N, C-alpha and C. Protein backbone atom coordinates (compact mmCIF):
# COMPACT_ATOMS: atom_id res chain seq x y z
N MET A 1 22.49 111.78 -28.53
CA MET A 1 23.18 111.16 -28.91
C MET A 1 24.60 112.10 -28.91
N LYS A 2 25.68 110.80 -29.55
CA LYS A 2 27.28 111.23 -29.75
C LYS A 2 27.37 111.86 -30.72
N ASN A 3 26.86 113.02 -30.78
CA ASN A 3 27.17 113.57 -32.59
C ASN A 3 26.82 114.99 -32.57
N ALA A 4 26.97 115.30 -31.19
CA ALA A 4 27.11 117.40 -31.45
C ALA A 4 28.42 117.50 -32.22
N ASN A 5 29.35 117.09 -32.20
CA ASN A 5 30.79 117.17 -32.69
C ASN A 5 30.27 117.30 -34.23
N SER A 6 29.54 116.50 -35.09
CA SER A 6 29.37 116.06 -35.86
C SER A 6 28.50 116.94 -36.85
N LEU A 7 27.54 117.49 -35.85
CA LEU A 7 26.76 118.23 -36.47
C LEU A 7 27.78 120.04 -36.40
N TYR A 8 27.98 120.56 -35.57
CA TYR A 8 29.23 121.09 -35.73
C TYR A 8 29.96 121.39 -36.75
N HIS A 9 30.47 120.47 -36.94
CA HIS A 9 31.22 120.11 -38.16
C HIS A 9 30.36 120.14 -39.82
N GLY A 10 29.18 119.87 -39.72
CA GLY A 10 28.37 119.64 -40.65
C GLY A 10 27.92 121.09 -41.38
N HIS A 11 28.10 122.09 -39.67
CA HIS A 11 27.50 123.35 -39.63
C HIS A 11 28.90 124.01 -41.08
N ARG A 12 29.94 123.99 -40.09
CA ARG A 12 30.83 125.00 -41.24
C ARG A 12 31.17 124.69 -42.78
N TYR A 13 31.11 123.16 -42.88
CA TYR A 13 31.24 122.49 -44.12
C TYR A 13 29.73 123.12 -45.03
N CYS A 14 29.03 123.27 -44.52
CA CYS A 14 28.10 124.30 -45.13
C CYS A 14 27.86 125.45 -45.88
N ARG A 15 28.95 125.86 -44.26
CA ARG A 15 29.61 127.51 -44.30
C ARG A 15 30.51 127.51 -45.55
N ASP A 16 31.82 126.30 -45.03
CA ASP A 16 32.50 126.54 -45.68
C ASP A 16 33.00 126.17 -47.09
N ARG A 17 32.20 125.06 -47.11
CA ARG A 17 32.95 124.22 -48.39
C ARG A 17 31.34 124.58 -49.23
N ARG A 18 30.92 124.42 -49.06
CA ARG A 18 29.39 124.59 -50.17
C ARG A 18 29.09 125.70 -50.00
N HIS A 19 29.16 127.31 -49.31
CA HIS A 19 29.13 128.56 -48.62
C HIS A 19 27.65 128.73 -49.08
N LEU A 20 27.04 128.29 -48.19
CA LEU A 20 25.19 128.28 -48.87
C LEU A 20 24.87 129.60 -47.29
N ARG A 21 23.87 130.55 -47.78
CA ARG A 21 23.70 131.05 -47.19
C ARG A 21 23.59 130.69 -45.71
N PRO A 22 23.62 131.81 -44.99
CA PRO A 22 23.14 131.50 -43.38
C PRO A 22 21.58 131.14 -42.88
N SER A 23 20.81 131.47 -44.19
CA SER A 23 19.32 131.22 -43.51
C SER A 23 19.10 129.52 -44.80
N SER A 24 19.77 129.48 -45.38
CA SER A 24 19.97 127.87 -46.07
C SER A 24 20.46 127.31 -45.01
N ILE A 25 21.20 127.21 -44.58
CA ILE A 25 22.29 126.44 -43.65
C ILE A 25 21.38 126.63 -42.40
N ARG A 26 20.46 127.68 -41.92
CA ARG A 26 19.73 127.15 -40.60
C ARG A 26 18.48 125.96 -40.89
N VAL A 27 17.49 126.47 -42.02
CA VAL A 27 16.54 124.86 -43.04
C VAL A 27 17.68 124.35 -42.70
N ARG A 28 18.89 124.12 -43.47
CA ARG A 28 19.57 122.30 -43.18
C ARG A 28 19.23 122.39 -42.14
N MET A 29 19.73 122.60 -41.03
CA MET A 29 20.77 122.33 -40.17
C MET A 29 19.16 121.90 -39.12
N ARG A 30 18.53 122.51 -39.18
CA ARG A 30 16.98 121.97 -38.51
C ARG A 30 16.68 121.08 -38.85
N GLU A 31 16.91 120.95 -40.08
CA GLU A 31 16.36 119.04 -41.16
C GLU A 31 17.11 118.07 -39.92
N ILE A 32 18.57 118.85 -40.87
CA ILE A 32 19.46 117.23 -40.27
C ILE A 32 19.44 117.12 -38.18
N VAL A 33 18.72 118.65 -37.73
CA VAL A 33 18.50 117.87 -36.14
C VAL A 33 17.07 117.16 -36.23
N ILE A 34 16.43 117.28 -36.80
CA ILE A 34 15.20 116.27 -36.83
C ILE A 34 15.15 115.12 -37.11
N PHE A 35 15.76 114.90 -38.31
CA PHE A 35 17.09 113.49 -38.48
C PHE A 35 18.16 112.46 -37.23
N ALA A 36 18.08 113.97 -37.16
CA ALA A 36 19.01 112.88 -35.80
C ALA A 36 18.35 112.10 -34.09
N ASP A 37 17.24 112.81 -34.34
CA ASP A 37 16.56 112.69 -33.34
C ASP A 37 15.67 111.74 -33.37
N PHE A 38 15.17 111.42 -34.74
CA PHE A 38 14.37 110.51 -35.21
C PHE A 38 15.19 108.69 -35.24
N LEU A 39 16.92 109.41 -35.30
CA LEU A 39 18.02 107.98 -34.90
C LEU A 39 17.72 107.61 -34.33
N GLY A 40 17.68 109.28 -33.33
CA GLY A 40 17.77 108.37 -31.48
C GLY A 40 16.59 107.46 -30.82
N SER A 41 15.17 108.11 -31.95
CA SER A 41 14.42 107.01 -31.27
C SER A 41 14.14 105.71 -31.93
N ARG A 42 15.12 105.34 -32.79
CA ARG A 42 15.77 104.10 -32.99
C ARG A 42 16.66 103.32 -32.15
N ASN A 43 16.94 104.18 -31.38
CA ASN A 43 18.49 103.69 -30.15
C ASN A 43 19.35 103.83 -31.06
N ILE A 44 19.91 104.51 -32.65
CA ILE A 44 20.99 104.55 -32.57
C ILE A 44 21.37 106.04 -32.21
N THR A 45 22.28 106.18 -31.17
CA THR A 45 23.09 106.84 -30.26
C THR A 45 24.40 107.39 -31.32
N SER A 46 25.07 106.70 -32.78
CA SER A 46 25.97 107.42 -32.96
C SER A 46 25.87 107.21 -34.39
N PHE A 47 26.06 108.56 -34.92
CA PHE A 47 26.18 108.43 -37.05
C PHE A 47 26.61 107.19 -37.33
N ASP A 48 27.92 106.38 -37.16
CA ASP A 48 28.51 105.46 -37.78
C ASP A 48 27.40 104.30 -37.70
N GLN A 49 26.64 104.07 -37.16
CA GLN A 49 25.46 103.54 -36.98
C GLN A 49 24.36 103.25 -37.80
N ILE A 50 24.19 104.28 -39.20
CA ILE A 50 23.65 104.44 -39.49
C ILE A 50 22.91 103.65 -40.26
N GLN A 51 21.72 103.04 -40.88
CA GLN A 51 21.62 102.10 -42.28
C GLN A 51 20.60 102.64 -43.31
N PRO A 52 21.00 101.95 -44.30
CA PRO A 52 19.78 101.89 -45.69
C PRO A 52 18.73 102.22 -44.21
N ALA A 53 18.32 101.11 -43.69
CA ALA A 53 16.86 100.84 -43.25
C ALA A 53 16.40 101.99 -42.73
N ASP A 54 17.10 103.16 -42.27
CA ASP A 54 17.06 104.14 -41.00
C ASP A 54 16.88 105.04 -41.94
N LEU A 55 17.48 105.33 -42.98
CA LEU A 55 17.01 106.55 -43.81
C LEU A 55 15.95 105.78 -44.69
N CYS A 56 15.75 104.86 -44.91
CA CYS A 56 13.74 104.50 -45.73
C CYS A 56 13.27 104.85 -44.62
N ALA A 57 12.84 104.59 -43.34
CA ALA A 57 11.95 105.01 -42.28
C ALA A 57 11.87 106.12 -41.55
N PHE A 58 12.89 107.09 -42.17
CA PHE A 58 12.81 108.48 -41.91
C PHE A 58 11.89 108.90 -42.87
N VAL A 59 12.42 108.68 -44.15
CA VAL A 59 11.23 109.56 -44.56
C VAL A 59 9.38 108.80 -44.64
N THR A 60 9.78 107.44 -44.83
CA THR A 60 8.49 106.73 -44.20
C THR A 60 7.44 107.82 -43.00
N SER A 61 8.21 108.12 -42.33
CA SER A 61 7.78 109.01 -41.27
C SER A 61 7.34 110.66 -41.22
N GLN A 62 7.63 111.18 -42.74
CA GLN A 62 7.36 112.38 -43.11
C GLN A 62 6.06 112.38 -43.81
N HIS A 63 5.20 111.23 -43.99
CA HIS A 63 4.05 111.08 -44.50
C HIS A 63 3.22 112.31 -44.62
N ARG A 64 3.06 112.70 -42.96
CA ARG A 64 2.03 113.48 -43.25
C ARG A 64 2.33 114.91 -43.28
N GLN A 65 3.49 115.19 -43.81
CA GLN A 65 3.66 116.18 -44.15
C GLN A 65 3.62 116.34 -45.97
N ALA A 66 3.67 117.31 -46.36
CA ALA A 66 3.33 118.39 -47.42
C ALA A 66 4.09 117.37 -48.48
N ALA A 67 3.56 117.64 -49.90
CA ALA A 67 4.69 116.47 -50.68
C ALA A 67 6.06 118.24 -51.05
N LYS A 68 5.99 118.91 -50.80
CA LYS A 68 7.00 119.90 -51.06
C LYS A 68 7.87 119.91 -49.94
N SER A 69 7.30 119.82 -48.54
CA SER A 69 7.79 119.48 -47.55
C SER A 69 8.70 118.14 -47.74
N VAL A 70 8.16 117.25 -48.05
CA VAL A 70 8.90 116.27 -48.36
C VAL A 70 10.36 116.12 -49.05
N SER A 71 9.85 117.06 -50.00
CA SER A 71 11.45 116.90 -51.07
C SER A 71 11.91 117.84 -50.66
N ARG A 72 11.44 118.61 -50.06
CA ARG A 72 13.20 119.62 -49.37
C ARG A 72 13.51 118.65 -48.24
N ILE A 73 12.96 118.48 -47.18
CA ILE A 73 13.70 117.59 -46.19
C ILE A 73 14.85 116.28 -46.51
N VAL A 74 14.26 115.60 -47.80
CA VAL A 74 14.84 114.62 -48.20
C VAL A 74 16.21 115.79 -48.66
N SER A 75 15.62 116.27 -49.71
CA SER A 75 17.08 117.08 -50.39
C SER A 75 18.17 117.40 -49.28
N ASP A 76 17.29 118.18 -48.09
CA ASP A 76 18.56 118.43 -46.83
C ASP A 76 18.95 117.40 -46.70
N VAL A 77 18.03 116.07 -46.27
CA VAL A 77 18.79 115.28 -45.27
C VAL A 77 20.69 114.73 -46.03
N ARG A 78 20.33 114.60 -47.47
CA ARG A 78 20.92 113.60 -48.51
C ARG A 78 22.29 113.91 -48.64
N GLY A 79 22.65 115.25 -48.12
CA GLY A 79 24.01 115.29 -48.47
C GLY A 79 24.82 115.12 -46.63
N PHE A 80 24.04 114.25 -46.06
CA PHE A 80 24.38 114.35 -44.75
C PHE A 80 25.07 113.38 -44.92
N PRO A 81 24.77 112.20 -45.20
CA PRO A 81 25.04 111.52 -45.24
C PRO A 81 26.82 111.39 -46.20
N GLN A 82 26.81 111.71 -47.32
CA GLN A 82 27.91 112.52 -48.11
C GLN A 82 28.72 113.01 -47.12
N PHE A 83 28.75 114.10 -46.14
CA PHE A 83 29.23 114.69 -45.28
C PHE A 83 29.90 113.57 -43.88
N LEU A 84 29.03 112.53 -44.16
CA LEU A 84 29.60 111.71 -43.38
C LEU A 84 30.51 111.04 -43.53
N LEU A 85 30.83 110.19 -44.64
CA LEU A 85 31.60 109.91 -45.05
C LEU A 85 32.71 110.37 -45.67
N LEU A 86 32.80 112.16 -46.11
CA LEU A 86 33.73 112.97 -46.20
C LEU A 86 34.47 113.08 -44.81
N ARG A 87 33.93 112.88 -43.76
CA ARG A 87 34.64 112.79 -41.97
C ARG A 87 35.14 111.59 -42.63
N GLY A 88 34.49 109.98 -42.80
CA GLY A 88 35.44 109.19 -42.24
C GLY A 88 33.85 108.82 -41.41
N ILE A 89 33.48 108.79 -41.30
CA ILE A 89 32.67 108.34 -40.16
C ILE A 89 31.75 107.53 -40.59
N LEU A 90 30.95 106.98 -41.76
CA LEU A 90 30.59 106.27 -42.55
C LEU A 90 31.19 105.73 -43.18
N GLN A 91 31.29 104.33 -44.40
CA GLN A 91 32.49 103.72 -44.79
C GLN A 91 31.34 103.47 -46.02
N ARG A 92 30.96 103.54 -46.02
CA ARG A 92 29.90 103.52 -47.15
C ARG A 92 28.80 104.50 -48.22
N ASP A 93 28.64 105.91 -48.83
CA ASP A 93 27.61 106.62 -49.28
C ASP A 93 26.56 106.15 -49.60
N LEU A 94 25.53 106.49 -48.65
CA LEU A 94 23.99 105.87 -47.81
C LEU A 94 23.19 107.00 -48.64
N SER A 95 23.40 108.19 -49.52
CA SER A 95 22.89 108.89 -49.77
C SER A 95 21.61 108.43 -51.23
N HIS A 96 22.40 107.83 -52.29
CA HIS A 96 21.05 107.43 -52.94
C HIS A 96 20.11 106.35 -52.21
N VAL A 97 20.52 106.10 -50.74
CA VAL A 97 19.33 105.15 -50.75
C VAL A 97 17.93 106.49 -50.22
N LEU A 98 17.97 107.40 -50.28
CA LEU A 98 17.38 108.23 -49.94
C LEU A 98 16.36 108.82 -51.54
N PRO A 99 15.07 108.69 -51.59
CA PRO A 99 14.43 109.08 -53.02
C PRO A 99 14.35 110.46 -53.29
N ALA A 100 14.04 110.41 -54.20
CA ALA A 100 14.30 112.26 -55.12
C ALA A 100 12.77 111.88 -55.66
N VAL A 101 12.26 113.24 -54.81
CA VAL A 101 10.80 113.53 -54.32
C VAL A 101 10.52 114.88 -55.14
N HIS A 102 9.98 114.22 -57.39
CA HIS A 102 9.49 115.20 -57.88
C HIS A 102 8.28 115.99 -57.70
N VAL A 103 8.66 117.45 -57.53
CA VAL A 103 6.91 117.97 -57.04
C VAL A 103 6.71 118.58 -57.87
N PRO A 104 6.45 119.20 -59.22
CA PRO A 104 5.45 119.73 -60.23
C PRO A 104 5.16 120.96 -59.95
N ARG A 105 5.90 122.56 -60.51
CA ARG A 105 5.67 123.76 -60.14
C ARG A 105 4.56 124.10 -60.43
N ASP A 106 3.57 123.64 -60.98
CA ASP A 106 2.35 123.69 -61.97
C ASP A 106 1.79 122.79 -60.55
N SER A 107 2.35 121.89 -60.17
CA SER A 107 1.19 120.85 -59.26
C SER A 107 1.05 120.36 -57.78
N SER A 108 0.13 119.85 -57.30
CA SER A 108 0.12 119.76 -55.95
C SER A 108 0.31 118.90 -55.55
N VAL A 109 0.28 117.74 -56.30
CA VAL A 109 0.42 115.77 -56.57
C VAL A 109 2.03 115.71 -57.06
N PRO A 110 3.09 115.06 -55.97
CA PRO A 110 4.28 114.53 -56.52
C PRO A 110 4.16 113.73 -57.03
N SER A 111 3.20 113.68 -58.87
CA SER A 111 2.79 112.40 -59.48
C SER A 111 2.84 113.17 -61.45
N VAL A 112 3.30 111.78 -61.68
CA VAL A 112 3.04 112.24 -62.97
C VAL A 112 0.71 112.02 -63.71
N TRP A 113 0.91 110.98 -62.39
CA TRP A 113 -0.42 110.57 -62.83
C TRP A 113 -1.39 111.20 -62.45
N ASP A 114 -3.00 112.02 -63.47
CA ASP A 114 -3.92 112.68 -62.72
C ASP A 114 -4.59 112.40 -61.34
N PRO A 115 -4.34 112.88 -60.82
CA PRO A 115 -5.74 112.57 -59.65
C PRO A 115 -7.21 111.67 -59.44
N GLU A 116 -7.54 112.85 -60.02
CA GLU A 116 -9.00 112.26 -60.41
C GLU A 116 -8.89 110.71 -61.97
N LEU A 117 -8.01 111.42 -62.34
CA LEU A 117 -7.89 109.99 -63.11
C LEU A 117 -7.88 108.53 -63.03
N LEU A 118 -6.71 108.92 -61.68
CA LEU A 118 -6.04 107.68 -60.61
C LEU A 118 -7.23 106.92 -59.59
N VAL A 119 -7.76 107.76 -58.98
CA VAL A 119 -9.35 107.35 -58.66
C VAL A 119 -9.94 106.54 -58.69
N ARG A 120 -11.06 107.08 -59.67
CA ARG A 120 -11.24 106.34 -60.94
C ARG A 120 -10.82 104.96 -61.69
N LEU A 121 -9.68 105.00 -61.98
CA LEU A 121 -8.68 103.55 -61.95
C LEU A 121 -8.50 102.96 -61.43
N LEU A 122 -8.40 102.90 -60.12
CA LEU A 122 -8.24 102.07 -58.78
C LEU A 122 -9.63 101.72 -58.69
N GLU A 123 -10.73 102.59 -58.34
CA GLU A 123 -12.09 101.41 -58.35
C GLU A 123 -12.34 100.85 -59.13
N VAL A 124 -12.09 101.19 -60.91
CA VAL A 124 -12.71 99.88 -61.50
C VAL A 124 -11.83 98.35 -61.58
N VAL A 125 -10.89 98.06 -60.09
CA VAL A 125 -10.17 97.05 -60.35
C VAL A 125 -11.19 96.29 -59.48
N ASP A 126 -11.95 94.88 -60.30
CA ASP A 126 -12.31 93.89 -59.17
C ASP A 126 -11.10 93.10 -58.75
N ARG A 127 -11.45 93.78 -57.26
CA ARG A 127 -10.55 93.37 -55.87
C ARG A 127 -10.95 91.82 -54.89
N THR A 128 -12.11 91.00 -55.86
CA THR A 128 -12.18 90.51 -55.00
C THR A 128 -11.89 89.24 -56.06
N SER A 129 -11.01 89.35 -57.55
CA SER A 129 -11.50 87.96 -58.15
C SER A 129 -9.36 88.29 -57.84
N PRO A 130 -9.15 86.96 -57.94
CA PRO A 130 -7.47 87.36 -58.16
C PRO A 130 -6.63 87.98 -58.94
N LYS A 131 -7.07 88.33 -60.25
CA LYS A 131 -6.53 89.18 -61.11
C LYS A 131 -6.74 90.24 -60.31
N GLY A 132 -8.19 90.73 -59.81
CA GLY A 132 -7.95 92.00 -59.56
C GLY A 132 -7.17 91.92 -58.53
N LYS A 133 -7.04 91.82 -57.50
CA LYS A 133 -6.01 91.79 -56.30
C LYS A 133 -4.24 91.94 -57.09
N ARG A 134 -3.83 91.09 -57.82
CA ARG A 134 -2.99 91.90 -58.39
C ARG A 134 -2.90 92.74 -59.17
N ASP A 135 -3.73 93.06 -59.72
CA ASP A 135 -3.68 94.21 -60.98
C ASP A 135 -3.79 95.72 -60.01
N TYR A 136 -4.44 95.30 -58.74
CA TYR A 136 -4.59 96.35 -58.00
C TYR A 136 -3.05 96.48 -57.65
N ALA A 137 -2.50 95.92 -56.58
CA ALA A 137 -0.43 95.90 -55.72
C ALA A 137 -0.40 96.16 -57.11
N ILE A 138 0.16 96.07 -58.09
CA ILE A 138 1.00 96.46 -59.31
C ILE A 138 -0.17 97.99 -59.72
N LEU A 139 -0.39 98.40 -59.96
CA LEU A 139 -1.13 99.75 -60.19
C LEU A 139 -0.59 100.62 -58.91
N LEU A 140 -0.61 100.10 -57.46
CA LEU A 140 -0.44 101.45 -56.12
C LEU A 140 1.21 101.10 -56.53
N LEU A 141 1.96 100.32 -56.63
CA LEU A 141 3.73 100.28 -56.85
C LEU A 141 4.12 100.92 -57.84
N ALA A 142 3.43 101.41 -58.90
CA ALA A 142 3.57 102.32 -60.53
C ALA A 142 3.38 103.31 -59.70
N CYS A 143 1.92 103.82 -59.32
CA CYS A 143 1.55 105.13 -59.00
C CYS A 143 1.70 105.85 -57.95
N ARG A 144 1.73 105.12 -56.97
CA ARG A 144 2.48 105.32 -55.55
C ARG A 144 3.77 106.35 -55.06
N LEU A 145 4.81 104.37 -56.09
CA LEU A 145 5.76 105.10 -55.23
C LEU A 145 6.69 104.73 -56.61
N GLY A 146 6.56 104.75 -57.73
CA GLY A 146 7.05 105.40 -59.07
C GLY A 146 7.92 104.32 -59.71
N LEU A 147 7.73 103.29 -58.97
CA LEU A 147 8.34 101.74 -59.88
C LEU A 147 8.00 101.79 -60.89
N ARG A 148 9.30 101.24 -61.72
CA ARG A 148 9.52 101.08 -63.25
C ARG A 148 8.52 99.63 -63.61
N VAL A 149 7.79 99.20 -65.03
CA VAL A 149 6.99 98.13 -65.04
C VAL A 149 8.45 96.83 -64.56
N SER A 150 9.73 97.28 -65.35
CA SER A 150 10.66 96.06 -65.12
C SER A 150 11.50 96.13 -63.97
N ASP A 151 11.36 96.25 -62.64
CA ASP A 151 11.11 96.15 -61.51
C ASP A 151 10.18 95.79 -60.94
N ILE A 152 8.66 96.42 -61.31
CA ILE A 152 7.67 95.28 -60.65
C ILE A 152 7.54 94.17 -61.02
N ARG A 153 7.97 93.74 -62.35
CA ARG A 153 7.75 92.28 -62.86
C ARG A 153 8.81 91.26 -61.66
N THR A 154 10.44 92.04 -62.00
CA THR A 154 10.92 90.87 -61.03
C THR A 154 11.51 91.66 -59.40
N LEU A 155 10.54 92.07 -59.35
CA LEU A 155 10.24 92.68 -57.83
C LEU A 155 9.89 90.90 -56.91
N SER A 156 10.64 90.50 -56.44
CA SER A 156 10.88 89.21 -55.51
C SER A 156 10.67 89.76 -54.04
N ILE A 157 9.64 88.64 -53.12
CA ILE A 157 9.21 88.59 -51.59
C ILE A 157 10.52 88.87 -51.38
N ASP A 158 11.02 88.84 -50.99
CA ASP A 158 12.32 88.62 -50.22
C ASP A 158 12.61 90.57 -50.11
N ASP A 159 12.32 91.59 -51.40
CA ASP A 159 12.76 92.23 -51.15
C ASP A 159 11.38 93.34 -50.53
N LEU A 160 10.38 92.67 -50.20
CA LEU A 160 9.53 93.07 -48.93
C LEU A 160 9.53 93.42 -47.67
N LYS A 161 10.20 94.65 -47.51
CA LYS A 161 10.78 94.02 -45.91
C LYS A 161 10.02 94.49 -45.20
N TRP A 162 9.10 93.67 -44.31
CA TRP A 162 8.28 93.73 -44.00
C TRP A 162 8.08 94.76 -42.17
N ASP A 163 9.77 93.89 -41.74
CA ASP A 163 9.71 94.51 -40.23
C ASP A 163 10.04 96.31 -40.34
N THR A 164 11.18 96.58 -41.27
CA THR A 164 11.25 97.88 -41.60
C THR A 164 10.33 98.60 -43.08
N ALA A 165 9.07 98.21 -42.91
CA ALA A 165 8.07 98.59 -43.82
C ALA A 165 8.49 99.34 -44.80
N THR A 166 9.36 98.68 -45.74
CA THR A 166 10.58 99.15 -46.59
C THR A 166 10.52 97.79 -47.58
N ILE A 167 11.06 98.83 -49.05
CA ILE A 167 10.50 97.87 -50.28
C ILE A 167 11.85 98.06 -50.64
N GLU A 168 13.43 97.36 -50.68
CA GLU A 168 14.65 97.07 -51.45
C GLU A 168 14.98 96.86 -52.68
N VAL A 169 15.04 96.93 -53.40
CA VAL A 169 14.95 96.35 -54.51
C VAL A 169 16.46 96.88 -55.45
N LYS A 170 16.81 96.01 -56.95
CA LYS A 170 17.52 96.79 -57.04
C LYS A 170 17.37 96.90 -58.15
N GLN A 171 17.61 98.56 -59.02
CA GLN A 171 16.80 98.54 -60.18
C GLN A 171 17.70 98.15 -61.17
N SER A 172 16.24 97.29 -62.44
CA SER A 172 16.39 96.64 -63.63
C SER A 172 17.47 97.52 -64.32
N LYS A 173 16.83 98.79 -64.67
CA LYS A 173 17.47 99.70 -65.84
C LYS A 173 18.78 99.72 -65.27
N THR A 174 19.13 100.64 -63.99
CA THR A 174 20.90 101.89 -63.54
C THR A 174 21.09 100.55 -62.77
N LEU A 175 21.01 99.21 -62.09
CA LEU A 175 21.30 98.60 -60.82
C LEU A 175 21.54 99.39 -59.74
N ALA A 176 21.59 100.27 -59.75
CA ALA A 176 21.41 100.94 -58.26
C ALA A 176 20.39 101.06 -57.71
N PRO A 177 20.71 100.63 -56.07
CA PRO A 177 19.83 100.47 -54.55
C PRO A 177 18.61 101.64 -55.21
N LEU A 178 17.75 101.03 -54.51
CA LEU A 178 16.52 101.61 -54.40
C LEU A 178 15.61 101.16 -52.95
N CYS A 179 15.41 102.44 -52.28
CA CYS A 179 14.72 102.10 -50.82
C CYS A 179 13.44 102.28 -50.68
N LEU A 180 12.27 101.93 -51.05
CA LEU A 180 10.70 103.11 -50.80
C LEU A 180 10.42 102.87 -49.69
N PRO A 181 9.45 103.51 -49.05
CA PRO A 181 8.58 102.94 -47.68
C PRO A 181 7.32 102.60 -48.71
N LEU A 182 7.34 101.43 -47.37
CA LEU A 182 6.54 100.69 -47.46
C LEU A 182 4.92 100.73 -47.80
N THR A 183 4.57 101.94 -47.61
CA THR A 183 2.89 102.30 -47.15
C THR A 183 1.88 101.85 -46.62
N GLU A 184 1.41 101.73 -45.96
CA GLU A 184 0.25 101.61 -45.50
C GLU A 184 -0.51 100.93 -46.34
N GLU A 185 -1.28 101.40 -47.15
CA GLU A 185 -1.75 101.16 -48.35
C GLU A 185 -1.65 100.35 -49.63
N VAL A 186 -0.14 100.60 -49.62
CA VAL A 186 0.94 99.29 -50.60
C VAL A 186 0.79 98.30 -49.71
N GLY A 187 1.51 98.54 -48.31
CA GLY A 187 1.25 97.04 -48.14
C GLY A 187 -0.09 96.28 -47.70
N GLU A 188 -1.13 96.89 -47.76
CA GLU A 188 -2.59 95.62 -47.24
C GLU A 188 -2.91 95.38 -48.78
N ALA A 189 -2.50 96.30 -49.80
CA ALA A 189 -2.92 95.28 -51.43
C ALA A 189 -1.79 94.91 -51.40
N LEU A 190 -0.41 94.96 -50.79
CA LEU A 190 0.71 93.10 -51.23
C LEU A 190 -0.18 91.63 -50.55
N ILE A 191 -0.06 92.47 -49.65
CA ILE A 191 -0.95 91.34 -48.47
C ILE A 191 -2.06 90.47 -48.81
N ASP A 192 -2.90 91.34 -49.36
CA ASP A 192 -4.02 90.99 -49.81
C ASP A 192 -3.69 89.99 -50.94
N TYR A 193 -3.44 90.73 -52.28
CA TYR A 193 -2.69 89.79 -52.95
C TYR A 193 -1.54 88.10 -52.73
N LEU A 194 -0.72 88.39 -51.71
CA LEU A 194 -0.33 87.68 -51.56
C LEU A 194 -1.01 86.29 -51.13
N ARG A 195 -2.19 86.56 -50.01
CA ARG A 195 -2.74 86.02 -49.05
C ARG A 195 -4.26 85.17 -49.73
N SER A 196 -4.34 85.59 -50.88
CA SER A 196 -5.75 85.51 -51.88
C SER A 196 -5.98 85.37 -53.06
N GLY A 197 -4.48 86.01 -53.61
CA GLY A 197 -4.92 85.95 -55.46
C GLY A 197 -3.09 85.36 -55.61
N ARG A 198 -2.42 85.51 -54.79
CA ARG A 198 -1.38 84.97 -56.28
C ARG A 198 -1.17 83.18 -55.71
N PRO A 199 -0.80 82.08 -56.62
CA PRO A 199 -0.65 80.68 -56.75
C PRO A 199 -0.18 80.10 -56.53
N GLN A 200 -0.02 79.43 -55.68
CA GLN A 200 0.67 78.32 -54.96
C GLN A 200 2.22 78.31 -55.85
N SER A 201 3.03 78.59 -55.48
CA SER A 201 4.77 78.90 -56.11
C SER A 201 5.89 78.59 -55.47
N ASP A 202 6.51 78.23 -55.66
CA ASP A 202 8.23 78.28 -54.81
C ASP A 202 9.17 78.96 -55.66
N ARG A 203 8.58 80.39 -56.60
CA ARG A 203 8.87 81.05 -56.64
C ARG A 203 9.29 82.66 -56.44
N ARG A 204 10.03 83.00 -56.42
CA ARG A 204 10.43 84.61 -55.26
C ARG A 204 9.68 85.73 -55.83
N GLU A 205 9.82 85.70 -57.54
CA GLU A 205 8.66 86.58 -57.79
C GLU A 205 7.94 86.88 -57.05
N VAL A 206 7.17 87.88 -56.81
CA VAL A 206 5.91 88.81 -56.23
C VAL A 206 4.89 88.17 -57.47
N PHE A 207 5.10 89.03 -58.61
CA PHE A 207 3.49 88.46 -59.01
C PHE A 207 3.94 87.54 -60.36
N LEU A 208 2.29 86.79 -60.83
CA LEU A 208 2.67 85.53 -61.23
C LEU A 208 1.41 85.54 -62.59
N THR A 209 1.53 84.54 -63.20
CA THR A 209 0.80 85.05 -64.06
C THR A 209 -0.58 83.73 -63.30
N LEU A 210 -1.59 83.53 -63.91
CA LEU A 210 -2.75 82.96 -63.54
C LEU A 210 -3.21 81.42 -63.73
N ASN A 211 -1.70 81.54 -64.79
CA ASN A 211 -1.89 79.89 -65.37
C ASN A 211 -0.61 79.09 -64.77
N ALA A 212 -0.90 77.79 -64.61
CA ALA A 212 -0.15 77.03 -64.99
C ALA A 212 0.63 76.64 -66.13
N PRO A 213 2.00 77.05 -65.67
CA PRO A 213 2.89 76.41 -64.73
C PRO A 213 2.90 77.91 -63.79
N PHE A 214 1.98 79.19 -63.79
CA PHE A 214 2.76 79.64 -62.68
C PHE A 214 3.94 80.86 -63.27
N PRO A 215 4.38 81.05 -65.12
CA PRO A 215 6.03 82.16 -64.87
C PRO A 215 4.97 83.37 -63.93
N THR A 216 6.52 84.23 -64.32
CA THR A 216 6.71 85.77 -63.73
C THR A 216 5.66 86.51 -65.01
N PHE A 217 5.26 87.16 -63.82
CA PHE A 217 3.42 88.43 -65.17
C PHE A 217 4.96 89.14 -65.65
N LEU A 218 4.27 89.95 -66.54
CA LEU A 218 4.50 90.66 -67.22
C LEU A 218 5.15 90.69 -68.65
């Protein structure tokens, strides 16, 4: 990649402007190099070519990592788009695209949902019925991706970016854009509902009621 100069200045920025310790700089720069290598795998040869979907795809690519590792990696990489904006390499701040991954100190599960309760909850959903297919997809969006009820209610078919395996919405509470990884589990539940559970309708909202004229759900 044609970005060695930016990485060098990024190191100086962490040292001189952020006043990070040498050990912290080494960890952060290692994560940035991993991010740069990932961009290279997507045929991105210059940092000014970065798009929101690339950041979402990077987070998705870390799904095999432990939650704490993903939280650290996302935190380290988040400051890099801000640095690129400061240097004039990016024309807009893309740091908000990277989600905050919260990991409670007393738990290895990055969620407020109790794991055992969540398993039992998902198991009792009747996924053979249209209502069950809909409810199962909604539960996964809430507990796996942390989408608010208001954002699930307004979720549009156009927000589902199958080619990049992401969900891109404008949050109803803050109006801030949000990009989330469309995981295989969530994607399969959505496809099952869209194909076999959702009523035929010209509405663009994903979730509809089961009774005509099929207004939006929730």
